[in-house]
PDB file of N, CA and C in Angstrom:
ATOM      1  N   MET A   1     108.022  98.901  75.349  1.00  0.00           N
ATOM      2  CA  MET A   1     109.146  98.330  75.060  1.00  0.00           C
ATOM      3  C   MET A   1     110.230  98.387  76.065  1.00  0.00           C
ATOM      4  N   PRO A   2     110.765  97.350  76.528  1.00  0.00           N
ATOM      5  CA  PRO A   2     111.652  97.513  77.691  1.00  0.00           C
ATOM      6  C   PRO A   2     113.120  98.282  77.385  1.00  0.00           C
ATOM      7  N   ILE A   3     113.534  98.953  78.506  1.00  0.00           N
ATOM      8  CA  ILE A   3     114.561  99.727  78.270  1.00  0.00           C
ATOM      9  C   ILE A   3     115.575  99.117  79.264  1.00  0.00           C
ATOM     10  N   LYS A   4     116.827  98.927  78.647  1.00  0.00           N
ATOM     11  CA  LYS A   4     118.027  98.230  79.710  1.00  0.00           C
ATOM     12  C   LYS A   4     119.211  99.162  79.831  1.00  0.00           C
ATOM     13  N   ILE A   5     119.523  99.394  81.132  1.00  0.00           N
ATOM     14  CA  ILE A   5     120.772 100.227  81.381  1.00  0.00           C
ATOM     15  C   ILE A   5     121.643  99.526  82.276  1.00  0.00           C
ATOM     16  N   THR A   6     122.903  99.490  82.004  1.00  0.00           N
ATOM     17  CA  THR A   6     123.949  98.680  82.672  1.00  0.00           C
ATOM     18  C   THR A   6     124.886  99.745  83.437  1.00  0.00           C
ATOM     19  N   LEU A   7     124.914  99.598  84.770  1.00  0.00           N
ATOM     20  CA  LEU A   7     125.809 100.260  85.595  1.00  0.00           C
ATOM     21  C   LEU A   7     127.039  99.394  86.066  1.00  0.00           C
ATOM     22  N   ASP A   8     128.112  99.999  86.563  1.00  0.00           N
ATOM     23  CA  ASP A   8     129.081  99.170  86.894  1.00  0.00           C
ATOM     24  C   ASP A   8     128.800  97.999  87.664  1.00  0.00           C
ATOM     25  N   PHE A   9     127.768  97.970  88.614  1.00  0.00           N
ATOM     26  CA  PHE A   9     127.530  96.774  89.504  1.00  0.00           C
ATOM     27  C   PHE A   9     126.217  96.201  89.357  1.00  0.00           C
ATOM     28  N   CYS A  10     125.524  96.564  88.468  1.00  0.00           N
ATOM     29  CA  CYS A  10     124.178  95.988  88.079  1.00  0.00           C
ATOM     30  C   CYS A  10     123.438  96.245  86.752  1.00  0.00           C
ATOM     31  N   THR A  11     122.551  95.642  86.198  1.00  0.00           N
ATOM     32  CA  THR A  11     121.706  95.846  85.024  1.00  0.00           C
ATOM     33  C   THR A  11     120.318  96.130  85.661  1.00  0.00           C
ATOM     34  N   LEU A  12     119.610  97.342  85.130  1.00  0.00           N
ATOM     35  CA  LEU A  12     118.351  97.680  85.484  1.00  0.00           C
ATOM     36  C   LEU A  12     117.622  97.657  84.080  1.00  0.00           C
ATOM     37  N   GLU A  13     116.288  96.867  84.225  1.00  0.00           N
ATOM     38  CA  GLU A  13     115.501  96.758  82.878  1.00  0.00           C
ATOM     39  C   GLU A  13     114.340  97.438  83.544  1.00  0.00           C
ATOM     40  N   PHE A  14     113.786  98.262  82.721  1.00  0.00           N
ATOM     41  CA  PHE A  14     112.498  99.079  83.019  1.00  0.00           C
ATOM     42  C   PHE A  14     111.407  98.472  81.894  1.00  0.00           C
ATOM     43  N   ILE A  15     110.372  98.108  82.656  1.00  0.00           N
ATOM     44  CA  ILE A  15     109.350  97.586  81.721  1.00  0.00           C
ATOM     45  C   ILE A  15     108.033  98.195  82.344  1.00  0.00           C
ATOM     46  N   ASP A  16     107.463  99.120  81.501  1.00  0.00           N
ATOM     47  CA  ASP A  16     106.214  99.925  81.883  1.00  0.00           C
ATOM     48  C   ASP A  16     106.620 100.654  83.217  1.00  0.00           C
ATOM     49  N   LYS A  17     105.935 100.369  84.339  1.00  0.00           N
ATOM     50  CA  LYS A  17     106.121 101.119  85.621  1.00  0.00           C
ATOM     51  C   LYS A  17     106.972 100.126  86.644  1.00  0.00           C
ATOM     52  N   ILE A  18     107.683  99.164  85.927  1.00  0.00           N
ATOM     53  CA  ILE A  18     108.402  98.264  86.770  1.00  0.00           C
ATOM     54  C   ILE A  18     110.009  98.365  86.373  1.00  0.00           C
ATOM     55  N   ALA A  19     110.696  98.380  87.544  1.00  0.00           N
ATOM     56  CA  ALA A  19     112.252  98.300  87.531  1.00  0.00           C
ATOM     57  C   ALA A  19     112.645  96.861  88.096  1.00  0.00           C
ATOM     58  N   ILE A  20     113.364  96.210  87.017  1.00  0.00           N
ATOM     59  CA  ILE A  20     113.950  94.899  87.510  1.00  0.00           C
ATOM     60  C   ILE A  20     115.547  94.985  87.510  1.00  0.00           C
ATOM     61  N   ALA A  21     116.093  94.895  88.737  1.00  0.00           N
ATOM     62  CA  ALA A  21     117.428  94.917  88.983  1.00  0.00           C
ATOM     63  C   ALA A  21     118.213  93.616  89.071  1.00  0.00           C
ATOM     64  N   VAL A  22     119.345  93.417  88.406  1.00  0.00           N
ATOM     65  CA  VAL A  22     120.235  92.151  88.605  1.00  0.00           C
ATOM     66  C   VAL A  22     121.480  92.779  88.904  1.00  0.00           C
ATOM     67  N   ILE A  23     121.849  92.737  90.378  1.00  0.00           N
ATOM     68  CA  ILE A  23     123.203  92.975  90.825  1.00  0.00           C
ATOM     69  C   ILE A  23     124.193  91.962  90.588  1.00  0.00           C
ATOM     70  N   ASN A  24     125.448  92.550  90.116  1.00  0.00           N
ATOM     71  CA  ASN A  24     126.591  91.663  89.832  1.00  0.00           C
ATOM     72  C   ASN A  24     126.902  90.798  90.926  1.00  0.00           C
ATOM     73  N   GLU A  25     127.495  89.709  90.493  1.00  0.00           N
ATOM     74  CA  GLU A  25     128.180  88.723  91.404  1.00  0.00           C
ATOM     75  C   GLU A  25     129.153  89.462  92.196  1.00  0.00           C
ATOM     76  N   GLY A  26     129.191  89.038  93.632  1.00  0.00           N
ATOM     77  CA  GLY A  26     130.206  89.560  94.578  1.00  0.00           C
ATOM     78  C   GLY A  26     129.968  91.103  95.045  1.00  0.00           C
ATOM     79  N   VAL A  27     129.047  91.890  94.439  1.00  0.00           N
ATOM     80  CA  VAL A  27     128.854  93.214  94.868  1.00  0.00           C
ATOM     81  C   VAL A  27     128.228  93.345  96.462  1.00  0.00           C
ATOM     82  N   HIS A  28     128.845  94.414  97.049  1.00  0.00           N
ATOM     83  CA  HIS A  28     128.168  94.803  98.332  1.00  0.00           C
ATOM     84  C   HIS A  28     127.372  95.915  98.083  1.00  0.00           C
ATOM     85  N   VAL A  29     126.119  95.924  98.431  1.00  0.00           N
ATOM     86  CA  VAL A  29     125.111  96.767  98.082  1.00  0.00           C
ATOM     87  C   VAL A  29     124.990  97.895  99.376  1.00  0.00           C
ATOM     88  N   ASP A  30     125.799  98.894  99.252  1.00  0.00           N
ATOM     89  CA  ASP A  30     125.826  99.845 100.407  1.00  0.00           C
ATOM     90  C   ASP A  30     125.015 101.111  99.988  1.00  0.00           C
ATOM     91  N   TYR A  31     125.327 102.218 100.750  1.00  0.00           N
ATOM     92  CA  TYR A  31     124.486 103.457 100.562  1.00  0.00           C
ATOM     93  C   TYR A  31     124.683 104.155  99.266  1.00  0.00           C
ATOM     94  N   GLU A  32     126.030 103.987  98.781  1.00  0.00           N
ATOM     95  CA  GLU A  32     126.300 104.612  97.615  1.00  0.00           C
ATOM     96  C   GLU A  32     125.774 103.803  96.147  1.00  0.00           C
ATOM     97  N   ILE A  33     125.825 102.701  96.386  1.00  0.00           N
ATOM     98  CA  ILE A  33     125.103 101.758  95.238  1.00  0.00           C
ATOM     99  C   ILE A  33     123.527 102.003  95.278  1.00  0.00           C
ATOM    100  N   SER A  34     123.016 101.902  96.428  1.00  0.00           N
ATOM    101  CA  SER A  34     121.822 102.194  96.573  1.00  0.00           C
ATOM    102  C   SER A  34     121.161 103.486  96.129  1.00  0.00           C
ATOM    103  N   LYS A  35     122.091 104.519  96.223  1.00  0.00           N
ATOM    104  CA  LYS A  35     121.647 105.867  95.793  1.00  0.00           C
ATOM    105  C   LYS A  35     121.763 105.891  94.277  1.00  0.00           C
ATOM    106  N   ALA A  36     122.653 105.264  93.708  1.00  0.00           N
ATOM    107  CA  ALA A  36     122.876 105.255  92.232  1.00  0.00           C
ATOM    108  C   ALA A  36     121.705 104.526  91.542  1.00  0.00           C
ATOM    109  N   ILE A  37     121.185 103.388  92.197  1.00  0.00           N
ATOM    110  CA  ILE A  37     120.044 102.593  91.527  1.00  0.00           C
ATOM    111  C   ILE A  37     118.996 103.692  91.853  1.00  0.00           C
ATOM    112  N   ALA A  38     118.496 104.319  92.985  1.00  0.00           N
ATOM    113  CA  ALA A  38     117.494 104.994  93.308  1.00  0.00           C
ATOM    114  C   ALA A  38     117.503 106.239  92.342  1.00  0.00           C
ATOM    115  N   GLN A  39     118.671 106.800  91.957  1.00  0.00           N
ATOM    116  CA  GLN A  39     118.726 107.873  90.891  1.00  0.00           C
ATOM    117  C   GLN A  39     118.615 107.308  89.546  1.00  0.00           C
ATOM    118  N   ALA A  40     118.875 106.274  89.148  1.00  0.00           N
ATOM    119  CA  ALA A  40     118.560 105.756  87.984  1.00  0.00           C
ATOM    120  C   ALA A  40     117.019 105.544  87.828  1.00  0.00           C
ATOM    121  N   CYS A  41     116.394 104.863  88.854  1.00  0.00           N
ATOM    122  CA  CYS A  41     114.734 104.824  88.890  1.00  0.00           C
ATOM    123  C   CYS A  41     114.242 106.228  88.743  1.00  0.00           C
ATOM    124  N   THR A  42     114.714 107.189  89.611  1.00  0.00           N
ATOM    125  CA  THR A  42     114.203 108.565  89.537  1.00  0.00           C
ATOM    126  C   THR A  42     114.383 109.021  88.091  1.00  0.00           C
ATOM    127  N   ASN A  43     115.450 109.083  87.421  1.00  0.00           N
ATOM    128  CA  ASN A  43     115.637 109.377  86.164  1.00  0.00           C
ATOM    129  C   ASN A  43     114.717 108.910  85.173  1.00  0.00           C
ATOM    130  N   TYR A  44     114.411 107.609  85.171  1.00  0.00           N
ATOM    131  CA  TYR A  44     113.494 106.984  84.193  1.00  0.00           C
ATOM    132  C   TYR A  44     112.036 107.252  84.621  1.00  0.00           C
ATOM    133  N   PHE A  45     111.803 107.072  85.805  1.00  0.00           N
ATOM    134  CA  PHE A  45     110.168 107.204  86.245  1.00  0.00           C
ATOM    135  C   PHE A  45     109.763 108.540  86.633  1.00  0.00           C
ATOM    136  N   LYS A  46     110.787 109.306  86.722  1.00  0.00           N
ATOM    137  CA  LYS A  46     110.377 110.840  87.122  1.00  0.00           C
ATOM    138  C   LYS A  46     109.359 110.632  88.514  1.00  0.00           C
ATOM    139  N   GLN A  47     108.211 111.208  88.395  1.00  0.00           N
ATOM    140  CA  GLN A  47     107.039 111.295  89.453  1.00  0.00           C
ATOM    141  C   GLN A  47     106.189 110.020  89.304  1.00  0.00           C
ATOM    142  N   ALA A  48     106.352 109.217  88.327  1.00  0.00           N
ATOM    143  CA  ALA A  48     105.367 108.344  88.057  1.00  0.00           C
ATOM    144  C   ALA A  48     105.452 107.086  89.155  1.00  0.00           C
ATOM    145  N   PRO A  49     104.649 106.500  89.768  1.00  0.00           N
ATOM    146  CA  PRO A  49     104.466 105.388  90.467  1.00  0.00           C
ATOM    147  C   PRO A  49     105.213 104.151  89.684  1.00  0.00           C
ATOM    148  N   PHE A  50     106.015 103.415  90.582  1.00  0.00           N
ATOM    149  CA  PHE A  50     106.689 102.196  90.139  1.00  0.00           C
ATOM    150  C   PHE A  50     106.980 100.985  91.210  1.00  0.00           C
ATOM    151  N   VAL A  51     107.231  99.971  90.761  1.00  0.00           N
ATOM    152  CA  VAL A  51     107.483  98.818  91.718  1.00  0.00           C
ATOM    153  C   VAL A  51     108.955  98.579  91.263  1.00  0.00           C
ATOM    154  N   TYR A  52     109.769  98.273  92.365  1.00  0.00           N
ATOM    155  CA  TYR A  52     111.157  97.631  92.333  1.00  0.00           C
ATOM    156  C   TYR A  52     111.165  96.197  92.404  1.00  0.00           C
ATOM    157  N   LEU A  53     111.799  95.280  91.451  1.00  0.00           N
ATOM    158  CA  LEU A  53     111.916  93.742  91.650  1.00  0.00           C
ATOM    159  C   LEU A  53     113.487  93.661  91.614  1.00  0.00           C
ATOM    160  N   SER A  54     113.873  92.921  92.775  1.00  0.00           N
ATOM    161  CA  SER A  54     115.380  92.461  92.808  1.00  0.00           C
ATOM    162  C   SER A  54     115.450  91.118  92.282  1.00  0.00           C
ATOM    163  N   LEU A  55     115.950  90.812  91.114  1.00  0.00           N
ATOM    164  CA  LEU A  55     115.898  89.446  90.594  1.00  0.00           C
ATOM    165  C   LEU A  55     117.447  88.932  90.990  1.00  0.00           C
ATOM    166  N   ARG A  56     117.391  88.265  91.878  1.00  0.00           N
ATOM    167  CA  ARG A  56     118.653  87.696  92.823  1.00  0.00           C
ATOM    168  C   ARG A  56     119.199  86.596  91.981  1.00  0.00           C
ATOM    169  N   THR A  57     119.718  86.529  90.916  1.00  0.00           N
ATOM    170  CA  THR A  57     120.332  85.394  90.253  1.00  0.00           C
ATOM    171  C   THR A  57     121.855  85.186  90.701  1.00  0.00           C
ATOM    172  N   ASN A  58     122.362  86.375  91.141  1.00  0.00           N
ATOM    173  CA  ASN A  58     123.862  86.319  91.529  1.00  0.00           C
ATOM    174  C   ASN A  58     124.011  86.207  93.045  1.00  0.00           C
ATOM    175  N   SER A  59     125.188  86.115  93.592  1.00  0.00           N
ATOM    176  CA  SER A  59     125.440  86.158  95.112  1.00  0.00           C
ATOM    177  C   SER A  59     125.860  87.429  95.382  1.00  0.00           C
ATOM    178  N   TYR A  60     125.296  88.218  96.223  1.00  0.00           N
ATOM    179  CA  TYR A  60     125.989  89.504  96.610  1.00  0.00           C
ATOM    180  C   TYR A  60     125.403  89.921  97.966  1.00  0.00           C
ATOM    181  N   SER A  61     125.998  90.702  98.592  1.00  0.00           N
ATOM    182  CA  SER A  61     125.704  91.104 100.077  1.00  0.00           C
ATOM    183  C   SER A  61     124.946  92.583 100.002  1.00  0.00           C
ATOM    184  N   VAL A  62     123.933  92.768 100.809  1.00  0.00           N
ATOM    185  CA  VAL A  62     123.211  93.948 101.035  1.00  0.00           C
ATOM    186  C   VAL A  62     123.350  94.377 102.384  1.00  0.00           C
ATOM    187  N   ASP A  63     123.354  95.774 102.535  1.00  0.00           N
ATOM    188  CA  ASP A  63     123.399  96.360 103.826  1.00  0.00           C
ATOM    189  C   ASP A  63     121.848  97.050 103.951  1.00  0.00           C
ATOM    190  N   VAL A  64     120.928  96.436 104.399  1.00  0.00           N
ATOM    191  CA  VAL A  64     119.488  96.731 104.437  1.00  0.00           C
ATOM    192  C   VAL A  64     119.554  98.196 105.108  1.00  0.00           C
ATOM    193  N   THR A  65     120.161  98.388 106.268  1.00  0.00           N
ATOM    194  CA  THR A  65     120.159  99.609 106.941  1.00  0.00           C
ATOM    195  C   THR A  65     120.575 100.683 106.331  1.00  0.00           C
ATOM    196  N   LYS A  66     121.250 100.549 105.209  1.00  0.00           N
ATOM    197  CA  LYS A  66     121.706 101.651 104.293  1.00  0.00           C
ATOM    198  C   LYS A  66     120.729 102.073 102.995  1.00  0.00           C
ATOM    199  N   TYR A  67     120.120 100.872 102.637  1.00  0.00           N
ATOM    200  CA  TYR A  67     119.308 101.250 101.396  1.00  0.00           C
ATOM    201  C   TYR A  67     117.772 101.365 101.819  1.00  0.00           C
ATOM    202  N   SER A  68     117.526 100.928 103.029  1.00  0.00           N
ATOM    203  CA  SER A  68     115.994 101.230 103.286  1.00  0.00           C
ATOM    204  C   SER A  68     115.653 102.630 103.556  1.00  0.00           C
ATOM    205  N   THR A  69     116.621 103.310 104.090  1.00  0.00           N
ATOM    206  CA  THR A  69     116.379 104.825 104.338  1.00  0.00           C
ATOM    207  C   THR A  69     115.892 105.507 102.963  1.00  0.00           C
ATOM    208  N   LEU A  70     116.947 105.060 101.971  1.00  0.00           N
ATOM    209  CA  LEU A  70     116.658 105.684 100.559  1.00  0.00           C
ATOM    210  C   LEU A  70     115.190 105.194  99.974  1.00  0.00           C
ATOM    211  N   VAL A  71     114.897 103.839 100.045  1.00  0.00           N
ATOM    212  CA  VAL A  71     113.742 103.219  99.663  1.00  0.00           C
ATOM    213  C   VAL A  71     112.406 103.903 100.186  1.00  0.00           C
ATOM    214  N   ASN A  72     112.527 104.060 101.586  1.00  0.00           N
ATOM    215  CA  ASN A  72     111.383 104.535 102.309  1.00  0.00           C
ATOM    216  C   ASN A  72     111.014 106.167 102.015  1.00  0.00           C
ATOM    217  N   GLN A  73     112.094 106.883 101.445  1.00  0.00           N
ATOM    218  CA  GLN A  73     111.912 108.087 101.240  1.00  0.00           C
ATOM    219  C   GLN A  73     111.415 108.398  99.645  1.00  0.00           C
ATOM    220  N   MET A  74     111.376 107.393  98.934  1.00  0.00           N
ATOM    221  CA  MET A  74     110.943 107.503  97.356  1.00  0.00           C
ATOM    222  C   MET A  74     109.414 107.415  97.442  1.00  0.00           C
ATOM    223  N   GLU A  75     108.825 108.494  97.472  1.00  0.00           N
ATOM    224  CA  GLU A  75     107.343 108.470  97.586  1.00  0.00           C
ATOM    225  C   GLU A  75     106.646 107.747  96.414  1.00  0.00           C
ATOM    226  N   ASN A  76     107.138 107.739  95.248  1.00  0.00           N
ATOM    227  CA  ASN A  76     106.573 107.049  93.999  1.00  0.00           C
ATOM    228  C   ASN A  76     106.766 105.645  94.048  1.00  0.00           C
ATOM    229  N   LEU A  77     107.615 105.254  94.842  1.00  0.00           N
ATOM    230  CA  LEU A  77     107.919 103.639  94.911  1.00  0.00           C
ATOM    231  C   LEU A  77     106.894 102.941  95.558  1.00  0.00           C
ATOM    232  N   LYS A  78     106.020 102.061  94.965  1.00  0.00           N
ATOM    233  CA  LYS A  78     104.846 101.487  95.613  1.00  0.00           C
ATOM    234  C   LYS A  78     104.997 100.039  96.124  1.00  0.00           C
ATOM    235  N   GLY A  79     106.084  99.618  95.594  1.00  0.00           N
ATOM    236  CA  GLY A  79     106.149  98.086  96.137  1.00  0.00           C
ATOM    237  C   GLY A  79     107.678  97.622  95.872  1.00  0.00           C
ATOM    238  N   PHE A  80     108.270  96.744  96.587  1.00  0.00           N
ATOM    239  CA  PHE A  80     109.468  96.141  96.598  1.00  0.00           C
ATOM    240  C   PHE A  80     109.476  94.680  96.661  1.00  0.00           C
ATOM    241  N   GLY A  81     109.804  94.058  95.394  1.00  0.00           N
ATOM    242  CA  GLY A  81     109.879  92.459  95.342  1.00  0.00           C
ATOM    243  C   GLY A  81     111.137  92.030  95.183  1.00  0.00           C
ATOM    244  N   VAL A  82     111.339  90.640  95.807  1.00  0.00           N
ATOM    245  CA  VAL A  82     112.466  89.941  95.615  1.00  0.00           C
ATOM    246  C   VAL A  82     112.314  88.742  94.943  1.00  0.00           C
ATOM    247  N   ILE A  83     112.782  88.357  93.912  1.00  0.00           N
ATOM    248  CA  ILE A  83     112.790  87.061  93.334  1.00  0.00           C
ATOM    249  C   ILE A  83     114.046  86.287  93.355  1.00  0.00           C
ATOM    250  N   SER A  84     113.775  85.142  94.144  1.00  0.00           N
ATOM    251  CA  SER A  84     114.889  84.152  94.305  1.00  0.00           C
ATOM    252  C   SER A  84     114.545  82.994  94.973  1.00  0.00           C
ATOM    253  N   THR A  85     115.324  81.834  94.733  1.00  0.00           N
ATOM    254  CA  THR A  85     115.139  80.617  95.151  1.00  0.00           C
ATOM    255  C   THR A  85     116.070  80.032  96.259  1.00  0.00           C
ATOM    256  N   SER A  86     116.984  80.706  96.382  1.00  0.00           N
ATOM    257  CA  SER A  86     118.117  80.579  97.262  1.00  0.00           C
ATOM    258  C   SER A  86     118.096  81.183  98.669  1.00  0.00           C
ATOM    259  N   LEU A  87     119.081  80.959  99.311  1.00  0.00           N
ATOM    260  CA  LEU A  87     119.311  81.520 100.555  1.00  0.00           C
ATOM    261  C   LEU A  87     118.772  83.057 100.650  1.00  0.00           C
ATOM    262  N   SER A  88     119.106  83.827  99.674  1.00  0.00           N
ATOM    263  CA  SER A  88     118.928  85.215  99.744  1.00  0.00           C
ATOM    264  C   SER A  88     117.425  85.518  99.857  1.00  0.00           C
ATOM    265  N   ALA A  89     116.562  84.488  99.650  1.00  0.00           N
ATOM    266  CA  ALA A  89     115.181  84.654  99.781  1.00  0.00           C
ATOM    267  C   ALA A  89     114.865  84.836 101.397  1.00  0.00           C
ATOM    268  N   ARG A  90     115.570  83.968 102.066  1.00  0.00           N
ATOM    269  CA  ARG A  90     115.438  84.080 103.490  1.00  0.00           C
ATOM    270  C   ARG A  90     116.146  85.162 103.964  1.00  0.00           C
ATOM    271  N   ASN A  91     117.108  85.822 103.542  1.00  0.00           N
ATOM    272  CA  ASN A  91     117.505  87.089 104.017  1.00  0.00           C
ATOM    273  C   ASN A  91     116.595  88.134 103.512  1.00  0.00           C
ATOM    274  N   ALA A  92     115.958  88.057 102.646  1.00  0.00           N
ATOM    275  CA  ALA A  92     114.983  89.015 102.100  1.00  0.00           C
ATOM    276  C   ALA A  92     113.959  89.219 103.085  1.00  0.00           C
ATOM    277  N   GLU A  93     113.612  88.080 103.892  1.00  0.00           N
ATOM    278  CA  GLU A  93     112.500  88.306 104.956  1.00  0.00           C
ATOM    279  C   GLU A  93     112.901  89.210 105.939  1.00  0.00           C
ATOM    280  N   ILE A  94     114.232  89.326 106.208  1.00  0.00           N
ATOM    281  CA  ILE A  94     114.708  90.370 107.209  1.00  0.00           C
ATOM    282  C   ILE A  94     114.569  91.846 106.751  1.00  0.00           C
ATOM    283  N   GLU A  95     114.968  91.726 105.457  1.00  0.00           N
ATOM    284  CA  GLU A  95     114.812  93.168 104.746  1.00  0.00           C
ATOM    285  C   GLU A  95     113.431  93.775 105.055  1.00  0.00           C
ATOM    286  N   SER A  96     112.470  93.019 104.729  1.00  0.00           N
ATOM    287  CA  SER A  96     111.008  93.479 104.772  1.00  0.00           C
ATOM    288  C   SER A  96     110.804  94.201 106.198  1.00  0.00           C
ATOM    289  N   LEU A  97     111.614  93.780 107.243  1.00  0.00           N
ATOM    290  CA  LEU A  97     111.326  94.552 108.426  1.00  0.00           C
ATOM    291  C   LEU A  97     111.772  96.073 108.468  1.00  0.00           C
ATOM    292  N   PHE A  98     112.629  96.264 107.525  1.00  0.00           N
ATOM    293  CA  PHE A  98     113.199  97.714 107.447  1.00  0.00           C
ATOM    294  C   PHE A  98     112.421  98.675 106.396  1.00  0.00           C
ATOM    295  N   LEU A  99     111.385  97.973 105.740  1.00  0.00           N
ATOM    296  CA  LEU A  99     110.586  98.730 104.600  1.00  0.00           C
ATOM    297  C   LEU A  99     109.254  99.140 104.886  1.00  0.00           C
ATOM    298  N   ASP A 100     108.809 100.380 104.626  1.00  0.00           N
ATOM    299  CA  ASP A 100     107.607 100.901 104.795  1.00  0.00           C
ATOM    300  C   ASP A 100     106.639 100.961 103.523  1.00  0.00           C
ATOM    301  N   LEU A 101     106.730  99.680 102.873  1.00  0.00           N
ATOM    302  CA  LEU A 101     105.825  99.774 101.674  1.00  0.00           C
ATOM    303  C   LEU A 101     105.598  98.234 101.352  1.00  0.00           C
ATOM    304  N   PRO A 102     104.715  97.972 100.608  1.00  0.00           N
ATOM    305  CA  PRO A 102     104.471  96.544 100.246  1.00  0.00           C
ATOM    306  C   PRO A 102     105.619  95.762  99.906  1.00  0.00           C
ATOM    307  N   PHE A 103     105.952  94.652 100.442  1.00  0.00           N
ATOM    308  CA  PHE A 103     107.199  93.713 100.114  1.00  0.00           C
ATOM    309  C   PHE A 103     106.700  92.414 100.074  1.00  0.00           C
ATOM    310  N   ALA A 104     107.227  91.601  99.015  1.00  0.00           N
ATOM    311  CA  ALA A 104     106.903  90.211  98.749  1.00  0.00           C
ATOM    312  C   ALA A 104     108.212  89.551  98.214  1.00  0.00           C
ATOM    313  N   ILE A 105     108.295  88.274  98.417  1.00  0.00           N
ATOM    314  CA  ILE A 105     109.375  87.195  97.798  1.00  0.00           C
ATOM    315  C   ILE A 105     108.534  86.234  96.826  1.00  0.00           C
ATOM    316  N   PHE A 106     109.315  86.118  95.708  1.00  0.00           N
ATOM    317  CA  PHE A 106     108.767  85.220  94.779  1.00  0.00           C
ATOM    318  C   PHE A 106     109.870  84.235  94.378  1.00  0.00           C
ATOM    319  N   ASP A 107     109.251  82.928  93.838  1.00  0.00           N
ATOM    320  CA  ASP A 107     110.224  82.059  93.203  1.00  0.00           C
ATOM    321  C   ASP A 107     110.578  82.335  91.809  1.00  0.00           C
ATOM    322  N   ASP A 108     109.641  83.035  91.154  1.00  0.00           N
ATOM    323  CA  ASP A 108     110.159  83.443  89.750  1.00  0.00           C
ATOM    324  C   ASP A 108     109.616  84.819  89.264  1.00  0.00           C
ATOM    325  N   LEU A 109     110.049  85.254  88.294  1.00  0.00           N
ATOM    326  CA  LEU A 109     109.905  86.471  87.801  1.00  0.00           C
ATOM    327  C   LEU A 109     108.473  86.883  87.370  1.00  0.00           C
ATOM    328  N   ASP A 110     107.888  85.914  86.871  1.00  0.00           N
ATOM    329  CA  ASP A 110     106.394  85.861  86.299  1.00  0.00           C
ATOM    330  C   ASP A 110     105.638  86.195  87.350  1.00  0.00           C
ATOM    331  N   GLU A 111     105.749  85.557  88.487  1.00  0.00           N
ATOM    332  CA  GLU A 111     104.787  85.846  89.776  1.00  0.00           C
ATOM    333  C   GLU A 111     105.310  87.391  90.362  1.00  0.00           C
ATOM    334  N   GLY A 112     106.457  87.893  90.427  1.00  0.00           N
ATOM    335  CA  GLY A 112     106.748  89.224  90.745  1.00  0.00           C
ATOM    336  C   GLY A 112     106.221  90.063  89.854  1.00  0.00           C
ATOM    337  N   LEU A 113     106.192  89.953  88.626  1.00  0.00           N
ATOM    338  CA  LEU A 113     105.517  91.011  87.539  1.00  0.00           C
ATOM    339  C   LEU A 113     104.017  90.961  87.812  1.00  0.00           C
ATOM    340  N   LYS A 114     103.438  89.817  88.035  1.00  0.00           N
ATOM    341  CA  LYS A 114     101.818  89.907  88.413  1.00  0.00           C
ATOM    342  C   LYS A 114     101.623  90.691  89.721  1.00  0.00           C
ATOM    343  N   TRP A 115     102.466  90.380  90.636  1.00  0.00           N
ATOM    344  CA  TRP A 115     102.252  91.231  91.713  1.00  0.00           C
ATOM    345  C   TRP A 115     102.385  92.610  91.651  1.00  0.00           C
ATOM    346  N   ALA A 116     103.579  92.971  91.096  1.00  0.00           N
ATOM    347  CA  ALA A 116     103.777  94.401  90.748  1.00  0.00           C
ATOM    348  C   ALA A 116     102.754  95.174  90.000  1.00  0.00           C
ATOM    349  N   LYS A 117     102.101  94.438  89.047  1.00  0.00           N
ATOM    350  CA  LYS A 117     100.987  95.027  88.289  1.00  0.00           C
ATOM    351  C   LYS A 117      99.852  95.209  89.199  1.00  0.00           C
ATOM    352  N   ASN A 118      99.594  94.340  89.989  1.00  0.00           N
ATOM    353  CA  ASN A 118      98.567  94.363  91.063  1.00  0.00           C
ATOM    354  C   ASN A 118      98.647  95.668  91.943  1.00  0.00           C
ATOM    355  N   ILE A 119      99.981  95.872  92.349  1.00  0.00           N
ATOM    356  CA  ILE A 119     100.171  96.786  93.245  1.00  0.00           C
ATOM    357  C   ILE A 119      99.998  98.172  92.341  1.00  0.00           C
ATOM    358  N   LEU A 120     100.481  98.305  91.224  1.00  0.00           N
ATOM    359  CA  LEU A 120     100.202  99.587  90.547  1.00  0.00           C
ATOM    360  C   LEU A 120      98.929  99.819  90.092  1.00  0.00           C
ATOM    361  N   ASP A 121      98.074  98.805  89.750  1.00  0.00           N
ATOM    362  CA  ASP A 121      96.699  98.919  89.637  1.00  0.00           C
ATOM    363  C   ASP A 121      96.025  99.637  90.745  1.00  0.00           C
ATOM    364  N   LYS A 122      96.383  99.347  92.146  1.00  0.00           N
ATOM    365  CA  LYS A 122      95.959  99.979  93.425  1.00  0.00           C
ATOM    366  C   LYS A 122      96.380 101.300  93.531  1.00  0.00           C
ATOM    367  N   ASN A 123      97.562 101.829  92.766  1.00  0.00           N
ATOM    368  CA  ASN A 123      98.187 103.073  93.069  1.00  0.00           C
ATOM    369  C   ASN A 123      98.421 103.681  91.772  1.00  0.00           C
ATOM    370  N   PRO A 124      97.510 104.027  90.881  1.00  0.00           N
ATOM    371  CA  PRO A 124      97.673 104.318  89.575  1.00  0.00           C
ATOM    372  C   PRO A 124      98.056 105.908  89.424  1.00  0.00           C
ATOM    373  N   LYS A 125      97.920 106.724  90.480  1.00  0.00           N
ATOM    374  CA  LYS A 125      98.152 108.035  90.400  1.00  0.00           C
ATOM    375  C   LYS A 125      99.448 108.348  90.388  1.00  0.00           C
ATOM    376  N   ARG A 126     100.022 109.676  89.714  1.00  0.00           N
ATOM    377  CA  ARG A 126     101.163 110.098  89.808  1.00  0.00           C
ATOM    378  C   ARG A 126     101.335 111.033  91.081  1.00  0.00           C
ATOM    379  N   ILE A 127     102.522 111.159  91.494  1.00  0.00           N
ATOM    380  CA  ILE A 127     103.017 112.046  92.571  1.00  0.00           C
ATOM    381  C   ILE A 127     103.114 113.540  92.235  1.00  0.00           C
ATOM    382  N   ASN A 128     102.665 114.410  92.856  1.00  0.00           N
ATOM    383  CA  ASN A 128     102.901 115.759  92.431  1.00  0.00           C
ATOM    384  C   ASN A 128     103.932 116.417  93.377  1.00  0.00           C
TER     385      ASN A 128
END
């Protein structure tokens, strides 16, 4: 059963071992926002492996140099996907250069969910 939480700057939906984030319109994703999202994921998943999907339905800015450090330190994060059909999909290609884990861009959420499940099937173990 999906669990949804709302933060001041985004909505996070947790489905099994997948986090789906929808960042609010006009937000600038900096270190503090990235830290809050990472903490929410850690609180929910604990040490279980998970995949993060960014559903980019709104327009917002991302400082990849700030969030990539946090992302790369999360040992149980097994993949990072972006779902977008707009210019942000092209910007996401640059983000992939900063991340040390599987990264993919999709046109729709169903594609992203299939990819996430495939990543998790390859990395089913808990982190100790």
